[in-house]
Structure formats: C-alpha cells, structure tokens
Amino acid sequence: MSTPTNKMDQARAVRQGESLDVDAVATYLKATLKELDGPVSIRQFHSGYSNLTYLISVGARELVLRRPPFGKKARSAHDMNREYCILSALAPVFPYVPSPLAYCDEPAVMDVPFYVMERLSGVILRKTLPEGPQFDAVWADRLCRRWVDVLAELHRLDYQKCGLAELGNPEGYVNRQVQGWSARYRDARTDDVPDFEAVMAWLAANMPSDHPKPALIHNDYKFDNVILDPIEPDRIIGVLDWEMATVGDPLMDLGASLAYWIESGDSEEFKLVATMPTDAPGMMTRRQIVAYYEEKTGTTVKNFSWYYCFGLFRLAVIAQQIYYRFYHGQTTDPRFEMLGLGVGVLEKAASRVMGSSEY
C-alpha cells in the first residue's frame, strides 16, 4: 500500500495568540532531555479543539508538547500532570500510547503546566477519507472492527495493576457524570444556544445503575484521536488525547464515542456536524458497533439509547465550553464560530433519542 501523505498529520505555523517562548522551551528541554541537540523550532497542530498541541523539532528529533488552551477553562479539565501520569502508567501495558518524556510546571518556562511526549507519525482520519483505492469498503469494515478491538482491550486492562486505581471512583460514577456535565453546560451556556433542560431532566430520571465491571475508560475515543499505520492504514498504532480518561462505566465510554459516529442513514442536518468519515461505504453502523463490542467483551448491552443520548449531550457540553471561549473573545480560532450551531443540532438529536430505542 502506498502511504497516504495527504492525510499524514502536519504541523503548521503557530496560530496568533497561541505562541510559546521558543528560547524558554528550548532551554528547558535540553536541560531535561540530555540527548537533545540542535536548533529548536515550534509549529502547531491545528486540528484539536481542546488542549493545544505543538510539534517541537530539535535538530532531527521531533517531540510533541501539550498545554492547556488560553481563556476560560473547565474547572476539572486540562490537568497536564494527570494526563502525563496516565501516559506513564499505560506505556508499559498498552502499546498504543506515545511515550511521555517530561512534565513541567515551572512558571519561568511557561505560564501553565505542560508535558512533552514522543511523536507518533501516521495517518489520522479527518472529515474525508484519504485518496487511494485501498480505502474501500473492505478496509472500512476492517478498520471499524480494529477500532472496537482497541477499545475493548483498554476496557479489559486491570487498572489497579496499572497503578491507576486512584484515577476515578466507579461508585456513583453515572450519577456524578449526569450532574457534573449538566452543571458544566449551565455554566458555559450562552444566549444563542438551547437550554438542554428537558434532556438533562430525562437523563437524570432514567439513569442506569453503575456498571458491575468498571474499567479504565478513555472518554474521547474517536477516529481523529487514533493514529493509523501509514503503510497498513487499517492498523491502529496510537491513541491520543487522554485528558478525560478515568475509571468508570465502559458503556458510557462507548456512548461517548458513538456520539461522534455519523452514519449514512442519518438526517442531512445531523451529517452537518460530522468531523470524521464514519458514513463512508463499508463503515459499520452504530448498532453494528455495539453488537461487535458485545461480542468482543462478552457484555450484554441493555438500554444503549440512554448511553447514546448522554454521549450526545456530553459532546454538546464540550462544544459549548469551546464555543464559550470564542463567544467571549478569549480565542480567535475561526473553527469555533460554528460550534454554537452544532450544539443546537446535538440538542435535536438527543431529544429524538429520549424515550426511544434509537441509536
């Protein structure tokens, strides 16, 4: 197979207002990672919506730096030390995480904590498929299955043996998520988006019990957070963005993932919020994904419409928190301007799922 270079994740010039102090970063990295040598340059990956991600080139070596966004931040989000510790614990047992290299919270280097990890180079799927005959329906089906395989592998990990038992409290997890995300939405709401009150009330009134087998969950597992092998692009070689990982209900993890999953039979309005090519020929439907997850984990999934509805609501909260920063002039990233409309689309989708078996 030829390498789809048009879909290799490329760094570009740093956005206005999001620059780093190159000299301070270079001095810190060369003092901390003794093997580094050569001139330092910084470019930025523009695709993320939350934490900011930069490509640090030191001579021929490439590293990735992660830091919180500028502007208003959710109280519990963007904890760089937490994310760094998760990567450090998972690196020996889960072969899909990039190796963490350094964590820094020194104000002299940067105004916020940040961490540095190895760069994994590969293909990341965005809104459209890469060009090439290999990206056909057979490839799409195989990729979907491997995508579920990796999620199931994560959920089977013994998080206690990994040293991550203190990462979250599975008891009362579902209730905390419903209450917590509802509070976040109300805190971040702007005047031009729906109030979501009916959805929040339905989620609270119909909460399932805590899962009998809590697991380590990623909480943002989707195609554009996985890296595909550039030579065998149906093989996953990396999983990124662990900032929301915790110990909790694996079905809520699956629901959060499928909130992003647009399929060919969805409404045209819902397809407008698509960010990944999950409706391409050969891609599995949401129901097929759930059925294959059941097969891989031996879990019987009941009332998945609740988990899917919660996933849609949670995605709307994430979008609204980002849109809040744009609405109040705390970021100039033009991608954020349309997120308010996306929140409205997600409210309609969540409302359709309430009280039905739809997902």
Protein backbone atom coordinates (compact mmCIF):
# COMPACT_ATOMS: atom_id res chain seq x y z
CA MET A 1 0.00 0.00 0.00
CA SER A 2 1.20 3.48 -0.74
CA THR A 3 1.44 5.95 2.10
CA PRO A 4 -1.44 8.47 2.05
CA THR A 5 0.77 11.50 2.65
CA ASN A 6 -2.18 13.84 2.17
CA LYS A 7 -3.58 12.55 5.46
CA MET A 8 -0.36 12.49 7.50
CA ASP A 9 -0.92 14.88 10.40
CA GLN A 10 1.02 18.03 9.54
CA ALA A 11 2.04 20.85 11.85
CA ARG A 12 1.75 24.43 10.63
CA ALA A 13 2.67 27.91 11.78
CA VAL A 14 1.50 28.71 15.31
CA ARG A 15 -1.85 30.49 15.48
CA GLN A 16 -1.89 34.12 16.55
CA GLY A 17 -2.21 34.39 20.32
CA GLU A 18 -1.05 30.82 20.97
CA SER A 19 2.71 31.20 20.60
CA LEU A 20 5.26 29.75 23.03
CA ASP A 21 8.57 31.18 24.24
CA VAL A 22 10.91 29.22 22.00
CA ASP A 23 14.03 30.10 23.98
CA ALA A 24 12.49 29.09 27.32
CA VAL A 25 11.17 25.81 25.93
CA ALA A 26 14.47 25.02 24.22
CA THR A 27 16.49 25.69 27.38
CA TYR A 28 14.19 23.51 29.48
CA LEU A 29 14.13 20.59 27.04
CA LYS A 30 17.88 20.49 26.51
CA ALA A 31 18.48 20.59 30.25
CA THR A 32 15.91 17.85 30.92
CA LEU A 33 16.44 15.53 27.94
CA LYS A 34 20.21 15.40 27.70
CA GLU A 35 20.28 13.63 24.34
CA LEU A 36 18.71 16.58 22.52
CA ASP A 37 20.96 18.67 20.31
CA GLY A 38 20.49 21.18 17.55
CA PRO A 39 18.29 24.20 16.78
CA VAL A 40 14.76 24.27 18.17
CA SER A 41 11.66 25.24 16.19
CA ILE A 42 7.98 25.12 17.17
CA ARG A 43 4.98 24.55 14.94
CA GLN A 44 1.38 23.75 15.87
CA PHE A 45 -1.14 21.03 15.09
CA HIS A 46 -4.32 22.94 14.27
CA SER A 47 -6.85 20.12 14.38
CA GLY A 48 -7.59 19.84 18.11
CA TYR A 49 -10.37 21.73 19.88
CA SER A 50 -9.22 21.45 23.48
CA ASN A 51 -5.63 21.24 24.74
CA LEU A 52 -3.12 22.84 22.40
CA THR A 53 -0.62 20.58 20.69
CA TYR A 54 2.72 21.66 19.25
CA LEU A 55 5.45 19.95 17.23
CA ILE A 56 8.86 20.65 18.73
CA SER A 57 11.75 19.99 16.36
CA VAL A 58 15.20 19.75 17.96
CA GLY A 59 17.67 19.08 15.20
CA ALA A 60 16.39 15.90 13.56
CA ARG A 61 14.32 14.86 16.63
CA GLU A 62 10.59 15.54 16.78
CA LEU A 63 8.63 15.82 20.04
CA VAL A 64 5.06 16.81 20.86
CA LEU A 65 4.19 19.36 23.55
CA ARG A 66 0.74 19.61 25.11
CA ARG A 67 -0.54 22.58 27.12
CA PRO A 68 -3.97 23.88 28.19
CA PRO A 69 -5.85 26.31 25.94
CA PHE A 70 -5.87 30.05 26.51
CA GLY A 71 -9.01 31.61 28.01
CA LYS A 72 -11.75 30.19 30.25
CA LYS A 73 -11.18 26.54 31.19
CA ALA A 74 -13.46 23.96 32.74
CA ARG A 75 -12.51 23.61 36.39
CA SER A 76 -11.52 19.93 36.24
CA ALA A 77 -10.22 19.83 32.67
CA HIS A 78 -6.78 20.36 31.15
CA ASP A 79 -4.82 18.81 34.05
CA MET A 80 -1.46 18.25 32.40
CA ASN A 81 0.08 16.34 35.30
CA ARG A 82 -2.88 13.95 35.38
CA GLU A 83 -2.62 13.27 31.65
CA TYR A 84 1.15 12.78 31.89
CA CYS A 85 0.73 10.31 34.76
CA ILE A 86 -1.87 8.33 32.77
CA LEU A 87 0.53 8.00 29.84
CA SER A 88 3.34 6.99 32.19
CA ALA A 89 1.22 4.25 33.75
CA LEU A 90 -0.14 2.95 30.44
CA ALA A 91 3.05 2.99 28.37
CA PRO A 92 4.33 -0.38 29.72
CA VAL A 93 1.00 -2.23 29.30
CA PHE A 94 -0.96 -0.58 26.47
CA PRO A 95 1.07 -0.38 23.25
CA TYR A 96 -0.93 2.47 21.74
CA VAL A 97 0.18 5.38 23.92
CA PRO A 98 3.05 7.69 22.94
CA SER A 99 5.93 7.56 25.42
CA PRO A 100 5.82 10.51 27.88
CA LEU A 101 9.18 12.25 28.22
CA ALA A 102 8.89 15.24 30.58
CA TYR A 103 6.42 17.21 32.69
CA CYS A 104 6.97 20.84 33.68
CA ASP A 105 5.08 23.25 35.94
CA GLU A 106 7.77 25.92 36.26
CA PRO A 107 6.31 29.40 35.60
CA ALA A 108 9.68 30.56 34.27
CA VAL A 109 9.26 28.17 31.35
CA MET A 110 5.54 28.60 30.66
CA ASP A 111 2.60 30.25 32.38
CA VAL A 112 0.80 26.88 32.66
CA PRO A 113 1.92 23.28 33.24
CA PHE A 114 2.74 21.27 30.12
CA TYR A 115 4.23 17.94 29.13
CA VAL A 116 6.27 16.54 26.29
CA MET A 117 5.94 13.12 24.63
CA GLU A 118 7.34 11.26 21.67
CA ARG A 119 5.81 11.93 18.28
CA LEU A 120 3.98 9.05 16.61
CA SER A 121 3.78 9.67 12.89
CA GLY A 122 0.90 8.20 10.96
CA VAL A 123 -2.47 8.75 9.34
CA ILE A 124 -5.27 10.48 11.26
CA LEU A 125 -8.72 10.41 9.72
CA ARG A 126 -10.46 13.77 9.48
CA LYS A 127 -13.71 14.67 7.74
CA THR A 128 -12.97 12.96 4.43
CA LEU A 129 -11.19 9.73 3.56
CA PRO A 130 -7.64 9.77 2.22
CA GLU A 131 -7.27 9.35 -1.52
CA GLY A 132 -6.41 5.90 -2.82
CA PRO A 133 -8.04 2.65 -3.88
CA GLN A 134 -7.02 0.92 -0.64
CA PHE A 135 -9.58 3.00 1.30
CA ASP A 136 -12.52 0.92 0.13
CA ALA A 137 -15.46 -0.75 1.87
CA VAL A 138 -13.40 -3.79 2.91
CA TRP A 139 -10.79 -1.53 4.52
CA ALA A 140 -13.51 0.49 6.27
CA ASP A 141 -15.14 -2.59 7.80
CA ARG A 142 -11.78 -3.94 8.96
CA LEU A 143 -10.80 -0.58 10.48
CA CYS A 144 -14.10 -0.34 12.40
CA ARG A 145 -13.51 -3.77 13.91
CA ARG A 146 -9.96 -2.95 14.90
CA TRP A 147 -11.15 0.34 16.37
CA VAL A 148 -13.55 -1.61 18.61
CA ASP A 149 -10.83 -4.19 19.35
CA VAL A 150 -8.55 -1.49 20.80
CA LEU A 151 -11.36 -0.01 22.90
CA ALA A 152 -12.23 -3.47 24.25
CA GLU A 153 -8.55 -4.07 25.01
CA LEU A 154 -8.46 -0.84 27.01
CA HIS A 155 -11.58 -1.82 28.95
CA ARG A 156 -10.07 -5.22 29.80
CA LEU A 157 -6.94 -3.70 31.36
CA ASP A 158 -6.52 -4.23 35.09
CA TYR A 159 -6.43 -0.57 36.09
CA GLN A 160 -5.42 -1.47 39.63
CA LYS A 161 -2.32 -3.34 38.48
CA CYS A 162 -1.55 -0.39 36.21
CA GLY A 163 -1.43 1.88 39.25
CA LEU A 164 -4.48 3.85 38.15
CA ALA A 165 -6.97 2.81 40.83
CA GLU A 166 -6.96 6.34 42.25
CA LEU A 167 -7.75 7.89 38.88
CA GLY A 168 -11.51 7.77 39.48
CA ASN A 169 -14.21 6.40 41.74
CA PRO A 170 -16.53 3.97 39.92
CA GLU A 171 -19.11 4.04 42.71
CA GLY A 172 -21.75 6.61 41.83
CA TYR A 173 -20.00 7.31 38.53
CA VAL A 174 -23.14 7.56 36.40
CA ASN A 175 -24.86 10.00 38.75
CA ARG A 176 -21.74 12.18 39.03
CA GLN A 177 -21.43 12.35 35.26
CA VAL A 178 -25.03 13.40 34.73
CA GLN A 179 -24.90 16.02 37.47
CA GLY A 180 -21.42 17.22 36.60
CA TRP A 181 -21.95 17.66 32.87
CA SER A 182 -25.31 19.33 33.49
CA ALA A 183 -23.61 21.87 35.75
CA ARG A 184 -20.89 22.44 33.16
CA TYR A 185 -23.42 23.13 30.46
CA ARG A 186 -25.35 25.62 32.56
CA ASP A 187 -22.09 27.34 33.48
CA ALA A 188 -20.94 27.62 29.85
CA ARG A 189 -24.28 28.35 28.20
CA THR A 190 -24.55 31.45 26.02
CA ASP A 191 -27.77 33.16 24.98
CA ASP A 192 -27.76 31.78 21.45
CA VAL A 193 -27.93 28.02 22.21
CA PRO A 194 -30.70 25.72 23.55
CA ASP A 195 -31.05 25.31 27.31
CA PHE A 196 -31.00 21.46 27.18
CA GLU A 197 -33.14 21.35 30.33
CA ALA A 198 -35.51 18.66 29.00
CA VAL A 199 -32.59 16.44 28.00
CA MET A 200 -30.84 16.91 31.35
CA ALA A 201 -34.03 16.10 33.24
CA TRP A 202 -34.60 12.92 31.19
CA LEU A 203 -31.03 11.73 31.70
CA ALA A 204 -31.31 12.27 35.46
CA ALA A 205 -34.66 10.50 35.70
CA ASN A 206 -33.56 7.43 33.71
CA MET A 207 -30.03 6.80 34.94
CA PRO A 208 -28.88 3.17 34.81
CA SER A 209 -27.11 1.57 37.74
CA ASP A 210 -23.33 1.66 37.93
CA HIS A 211 -21.66 -0.90 35.68
CA PRO A 212 -20.81 -4.13 37.56
CA LYS A 213 -17.34 -4.20 35.95
CA PRO A 214 -15.88 -0.69 35.97
CA ALA A 215 -12.97 -0.10 33.62
CA LEU A 216 -10.32 2.35 32.60
CA ILE A 217 -12.09 4.49 30.01
CA HIS A 218 -10.68 6.98 27.52
CA ASN A 219 -13.74 9.27 27.36
CA ASP A 220 -12.87 10.74 23.94
CA TYR A 221 -12.13 7.69 21.81
CA LYS A 222 -12.78 8.50 18.15
CA PHE A 223 -11.14 8.21 14.76
CA ASP A 224 -9.30 11.51 14.93
CA ASN A 225 -7.78 10.52 18.27
CA VAL A 226 -6.20 7.39 16.85
CA ILE A 227 -3.13 7.14 14.62
CA LEU A 228 -3.09 4.63 11.77
CA ASP A 229 -0.03 2.91 10.41
CA PRO A 230 0.94 4.82 7.23
CA ILE A 231 1.79 1.57 5.44
CA GLU A 232 -1.09 -0.55 6.78
CA PRO A 233 -3.78 2.09 7.46
CA ASP A 234 -6.25 -0.41 8.91
CA ARG A 235 -3.85 -0.95 11.83
CA ILE A 236 -4.01 1.38 14.85
CA ILE A 237 -0.60 2.34 16.22
CA GLY A 238 -1.53 5.12 18.65
CA VAL A 239 -4.30 6.57 20.79
CA LEU A 240 -4.09 10.26 21.68
CA ASP A 241 -5.75 12.81 24.00
CA TRP A 242 -6.03 11.08 27.38
CA GLU A 243 -7.03 14.22 29.29
CA MET A 244 -10.51 12.91 30.20
CA ALA A 245 -9.54 9.28 30.94
CA THR A 246 -10.80 7.88 34.23
CA VAL A 247 -12.13 4.76 35.93
CA GLY A 248 -15.83 4.38 35.29
CA ASP A 249 -18.58 2.85 33.20
CA PRO A 250 -17.26 1.36 29.92
CA LEU A 251 -20.70 1.71 28.30
CA MET A 252 -20.55 5.45 28.87
CA ASP A 253 -17.20 5.39 27.07
CA LEU A 254 -18.81 3.61 24.13
CA GLY A 255 -21.76 6.04 24.19
CA ALA A 256 -19.36 9.00 24.15
CA SER A 257 -17.55 7.51 21.14
CA LEU A 258 -20.70 6.84 19.15
CA ALA A 259 -21.98 10.38 19.71
CA TYR A 260 -19.40 11.34 17.06
CA TRP A 261 -20.48 8.50 14.76
CA ILE A 262 -22.43 9.82 11.78
CA GLU A 263 -23.82 7.08 9.51
CA SER A 264 -25.27 7.11 6.02
CA GLY A 265 -28.90 6.89 7.17
CA ASP A 266 -28.74 9.94 9.43
CA SER A 267 -30.52 13.19 8.64
CA GLU A 268 -28.78 15.75 6.46
CA GLU A 269 -28.80 18.19 9.38
CA PHE A 270 -27.05 15.70 11.64
CA LYS A 271 -24.49 14.99 8.92
CA LEU A 272 -23.53 18.68 9.03
CA VAL A 273 -21.78 18.11 12.37
CA ALA A 274 -19.71 15.20 11.03
CA THR A 275 -15.98 15.50 11.73
CA MET A 276 -14.93 12.01 10.60
CA PRO A 277 -15.77 9.79 7.61
CA THR A 278 -17.84 7.27 9.58
CA ASP A 279 -20.56 7.30 6.91
CA ALA A 280 -18.22 6.10 4.15
CA PRO A 281 -19.07 2.86 2.31
CA GLY A 282 -18.24 -0.17 4.45
CA MET A 283 -18.23 1.68 7.79
CA MET A 284 -20.23 -0.14 10.45
CA THR A 285 -23.40 1.45 11.83
CA ARG A 286 -23.75 2.39 15.48
CA ARG A 287 -25.84 -0.72 16.11
CA GLN A 288 -23.23 -2.90 14.43
CA ILE A 289 -20.51 -1.30 16.56
CA VAL A 290 -22.47 -2.06 19.73
CA ALA A 291 -23.09 -5.64 18.63
CA TYR A 292 -19.41 -6.18 17.85
CA TYR A 293 -18.43 -4.64 21.21
CA GLU A 294 -20.76 -7.12 22.92
CA GLU A 295 -19.07 -9.95 21.03
CA LYS A 296 -15.55 -8.80 21.94
CA THR A 297 -16.24 -8.13 25.61
CA GLY A 298 -18.88 -10.72 26.45
CA THR A 299 -21.05 -7.86 27.70
CA THR A 300 -24.79 -7.67 27.12
CA VAL A 301 -25.63 -4.05 26.39
CA LYS A 302 -29.10 -3.02 27.54
CA ASN A 303 -30.81 0.33 27.02
CA PHE A 304 -27.95 1.69 24.95
CA SER A 305 -30.16 4.59 23.83
CA TRP A 306 -29.58 6.17 27.28
CA TYR A 307 -25.79 5.93 26.90
CA TYR A 308 -26.02 7.30 23.37
CA CYS A 309 -28.24 10.19 24.45
CA PHE A 310 -25.83 11.02 27.25
CA GLY A 311 -22.96 10.88 24.75
CA LEU A 312 -24.73 13.40 22.50
CA PHE A 313 -25.38 15.70 25.46
CA ARG A 314 -21.81 15.41 26.70
CA LEU A 315 -20.50 16.22 23.22
CA ALA A 316 -22.73 19.30 23.17
CA VAL A 317 -21.27 20.41 26.50
CA ILE A 318 -17.72 20.02 25.19
CA ALA A 319 -18.61 22.01 22.07
CA GLN A 320 -20.32 24.69 24.16
CA GLN A 321 -17.36 25.06 26.50
CA ILE A 322 -15.16 25.70 23.49
CA TYR A 323 -17.74 27.99 21.85
CA TYR A 324 -17.94 29.97 25.12
CA ARG A 325 -14.31 30.98 24.69
CA PHE A 326 -14.96 32.19 21.14
CA TYR A 327 -18.22 33.92 22.07
CA HIS A 328 -16.44 35.94 24.76
CA GLY A 329 -13.40 36.77 22.62
CA GLN A 330 -10.99 34.53 24.53
CA THR A 331 -9.85 32.81 21.33
CA THR A 332 -9.81 33.88 17.68
CA ASP A 333 -9.74 30.38 16.18
CA PRO A 334 -12.29 30.68 13.33
CA ARG A 335 -13.27 26.99 13.61
CA PHE A 336 -15.05 27.73 16.88
CA GLU A 337 -17.54 30.18 15.40
CA MET A 338 -19.89 27.45 14.10
CA LEU A 339 -19.87 25.32 17.25
CA GLY A 340 -22.94 27.09 18.62
CA LEU A 341 -24.96 25.83 15.65
CA GLY A 342 -23.57 22.35 16.28
CA VAL A 343 -24.82 22.50 19.86
CA GLY A 344 -28.33 23.11 18.54
CA VAL A 345 -28.10 20.14 16.16
CA LEU A 346 -26.95 17.90 19.02
CA GLU A 347 -29.86 19.06 21.19
CA LYS A 348 -32.32 18.00 18.50
CA ALA A 349 -30.57 14.63 18.11
CA ALA A 350 -30.57 13.97 21.87
CA SER A 351 -34.25 14.93 22.09
CA ARG A 352 -35.14 12.38 19.38
CA VAL A 353 -33.35 9.61 21.29
CA MET A 354 -35.12 10.26 24.61
CA GLY A 355 -37.65 7.59 25.42
CA SER A 356 -36.91 5.63 22.23
CA SER A 357 -34.68 2.74 21.26
CA GLU A 358 -32.88 4.85 18.67
CA TYR A 359 -29.11 4.94 18.43
